[in-house]
């Protein structure tokens, strides 16, 4: 199930998700759709919800028409830190 987190405070909020990614929420803004597994059992999110600083909403599944077929719309979360390629991005040949 997908959810949205909304920052109800007047301050920038950084929320670490269960996957280790960090969600940057501007004041009064909502996140993009994320899986609920990202906040299940997350003590920081629970504390922020109890204090009213964030709210959680369930996202209704949306469908996009493509070539006459109905498919669910996909969303992704980007990692908080950039991913580095060990060889500088060059392809190695043997």
C-alpha atoms as a PDB file:
ATOM      1  CA  UNK A   1       0.000   0.000   0.000  1.00  0.00           C
ATOM      2  CA  UNK A   2       1.329   3.448  -0.852  1.00  0.00           C
ATOM      3  CA  UNK A   3       1.163   6.427   1.495  1.00  0.00           C
ATOM      4  CA  UNK A   4       2.008  10.123   1.582  1.00  0.00           C
ATOM      5  CA  UNK A   5       3.746  11.896   4.462  1.00  0.00           C
ATOM      6  CA  UNK A   6       2.857  15.577   4.958  1.00  0.00           C
ATOM      7  CA  UNK A   7       5.002  17.981   6.971  1.00  0.00           C
ATOM      8  CA  UNK A   8       2.600  19.972   9.184  1.00  0.00           C
ATOM      9  CA  UNK A   9       5.362  22.078  10.773  1.00  0.00           C
ATOM     10  CA  UNK A  10       6.811  25.408   9.564  1.00  0.00           C
ATOM     11  CA  UNK A  11      10.302  23.834   9.401  1.00  0.00           C
ATOM     12  CA  UNK A  12      12.244  21.587   7.025  1.00  0.00           C
ATOM     13  CA  UNK A  13      11.946  18.010   8.202  1.00  0.00           C
ATOM     14  CA  UNK A  14      14.324  15.116   7.503  1.00  0.00           C
ATOM     15  CA  UNK A  15      12.736  11.699   8.007  1.00  0.00           C
ATOM     16  CA  UNK A  16      14.869   8.568   7.812  1.00  0.00           C
ATOM     17  CA  UNK A  17      12.880   5.721   6.272  1.00  0.00           C
ATOM     18  CA  UNK A  18      13.272   2.046   7.210  1.00  0.00           C
ATOM     19  CA  UNK A  19      15.260   1.431   4.003  1.00  0.00           C
ATOM     20  CA  UNK A  20      17.881   3.970   5.130  1.00  0.00           C
ATOM     21  CA  UNK A  21      16.840   6.605   2.589  1.00  0.00           C
ATOM     22  CA  UNK A  22      16.108  10.083   3.939  1.00  0.00           C
ATOM     23  CA  UNK A  23      12.973  11.990   3.015  1.00  0.00           C
ATOM     24  CA  UNK A  24      13.373  15.791   2.865  1.00  0.00           C
ATOM     25  CA  UNK A  25      10.010  17.433   3.548  1.00  0.00           C
ATOM     26  CA  UNK A  26       9.670  21.190   3.095  1.00  0.00           C
ATOM     27  CA  UNK A  27       7.264  23.007   5.417  1.00  0.00           C
ATOM     28  CA  UNK A  28       3.604  22.136   4.698  1.00  0.00           C
ATOM     29  CA  UNK A  29       4.594  19.879   1.756  1.00  0.00           C
ATOM     30  CA  UNK A  30       3.835  16.209   1.138  1.00  0.00           C
ATOM     31  CA  UNK A  31       6.122  13.457  -0.053  1.00  0.00           C
ATOM     32  CA  UNK A  32       5.585  11.494  -3.218  1.00  0.00           C
ATOM     33  CA  UNK A  33       4.006   8.051  -2.858  1.00  0.00           C
ATOM     34  CA  UNK A  34       6.087   5.676  -0.727  1.00  0.00           C
ATOM     35  CA  UNK A  35       5.458   2.104   0.415  1.00  0.00           C
ATOM     36  CA  UNK A  36       4.005   1.811   3.898  1.00  0.00           C
ATOM     37  CA  UNK A  37       6.788  -0.634   4.808  1.00  0.00           C
ATOM     38  CA  UNK A  38       9.084   2.418   4.888  1.00  0.00           C
ATOM     39  CA  UNK A  39       7.427   3.705   8.093  1.00  0.00           C
ATOM     40  CA  UNK A  40       6.035   0.559   9.766  1.00  0.00           C
ATOM     41  CA  UNK A  41       7.586   0.372  13.239  1.00  0.00           C
ATOM     42  CA  UNK A  42       9.605   3.576  12.660  1.00  0.00           C
ATOM     43  CA  UNK A  43       9.853   5.235  16.088  1.00  0.00           C
ATOM     44  CA  UNK A  44      10.688   8.697  14.710  1.00  0.00           C
ATOM     45  CA  UNK A  45       7.667   8.687  12.383  1.00  0.00           C
ATOM     46  CA  UNK A  46       5.435   7.451  15.231  1.00  0.00           C
ATOM     47  CA  UNK A  47       6.683  10.272  17.493  1.00  0.00           C
ATOM     48  CA  UNK A  48       6.169  12.913  14.758  1.00  0.00           C
ATOM     49  CA  UNK A  49       2.635  11.627  14.098  1.00  0.00           C
ATOM     50  CA  UNK A  50       1.703  11.700  17.802  1.00  0.00           C
ATOM     51  CA  UNK A  51       2.954  15.287  18.119  1.00  0.00           C
ATOM     52  CA  UNK A  52       1.008  16.342  14.994  1.00  0.00           C
ATOM     53  CA  UNK A  53       4.113  17.413  13.078  1.00  0.00           C
ATOM     54  CA  UNK A  54       3.410  15.003  10.214  1.00  0.00           C
ATOM     55  CA  UNK A  55       0.323  13.286   8.877  1.00  0.00           C
ATOM     56  CA  UNK A  56       0.015  10.064   6.904  1.00  0.00           C
ATOM     57  CA  UNK A  57      -2.476   9.569   4.052  1.00  0.00           C
ATOM     58  CA  UNK A  58      -3.218   6.470   2.009  1.00  0.00           C
ATOM     59  CA  UNK A  59      -2.756   6.914  -1.744  1.00  0.00           C
ATOM     60  CA  UNK A  60      -5.581   5.651  -3.931  1.00  0.00           C
ATOM     61  CA  UNK A  61      -4.220   3.545  -6.809  1.00  0.00           C
ATOM     62  CA  UNK A  62      -4.079   5.560 -10.025  1.00  0.00           C
ATOM     63  CA  UNK A  63      -4.116   4.057 -13.463  1.00  0.00           C
ATOM     64  CA  UNK A  64      -2.581   5.411 -16.644  1.00  0.00           C
ATOM     65  CA  UNK A  65      -3.928   4.563 -20.086  1.00  0.00           C
ATOM     66  CA  UNK A  66      -1.206   3.221 -22.417  1.00  0.00           C
ATOM     67  CA  UNK A  67      -2.088   1.820 -25.827  1.00  0.00           C
ATOM     68  CA  UNK A  68      -5.567   0.910 -24.703  1.00  0.00           C
ATOM     69  CA  UNK A  69      -4.307  -0.959 -21.613  1.00  0.00           C
ATOM     70  CA  UNK A  70      -4.755   0.189 -18.033  1.00  0.00           C
ATOM     71  CA  UNK A  71      -1.576  -0.107 -15.944  1.00  0.00           C
ATOM     72  CA  UNK A  72      -0.782   1.177 -12.459  1.00  0.00           C
ATOM     73  CA  UNK A  73       1.334   4.328 -12.313  1.00  0.00           C
ATOM     74  CA  UNK A  74       4.820   3.719 -10.892  1.00  0.00           C
ATOM     75  CA  UNK A  75       6.671   5.920  -8.399  1.00  0.00           C
ATOM     76  CA  UNK A  76      10.169   5.596  -6.999  1.00  0.00           C
ATOM     77  CA  UNK A  77      12.226   6.924  -4.112  1.00  0.00           C
ATOM     78  CA  UNK A  78      15.708   8.194  -4.815  1.00  0.00           C
ATOM     79  CA  UNK A  79      18.472   7.413  -2.328  1.00  0.00           C
ATOM     80  CA  UNK A  80      19.482  10.290  -0.068  1.00  0.00           C
ATOM     81  CA  UNK A  81      23.165   9.857  -0.934  1.00  0.00           C
ATOM     82  CA  UNK A  82      24.436   9.687  -4.528  1.00  0.00           C
ATOM     83  CA  UNK A  83      25.521   6.267  -5.705  1.00  0.00           C
ATOM     84  CA  UNK A  84      29.168   6.074  -6.788  1.00  0.00           C
ATOM     85  CA  UNK A  85      30.471   3.687  -9.425  1.00  0.00           C
ATOM     86  CA  UNK A  86      33.714   2.087  -8.305  1.00  0.00           C
ATOM     87  CA  UNK A  87      35.523   2.322 -11.645  1.00  0.00           C
ATOM     88  CA  UNK A  88      34.514   5.888 -12.482  1.00  0.00           C
ATOM     89  CA  UNK A  89      31.688   4.736 -14.727  1.00  0.00           C
ATOM     90  CA  UNK A  90      33.956   3.192 -17.370  1.00  0.00           C
ATOM     91  CA  UNK A  91      33.183  -0.183 -18.833  1.00  0.00           C
ATOM     92  CA  UNK A  92      35.854  -2.791 -18.259  1.00  0.00           C
ATOM     93  CA  UNK A  93      36.645  -5.378 -20.902  1.00  0.00           C
ATOM     94  CA  UNK A  94      38.397  -8.677 -20.344  1.00  0.00           C
END
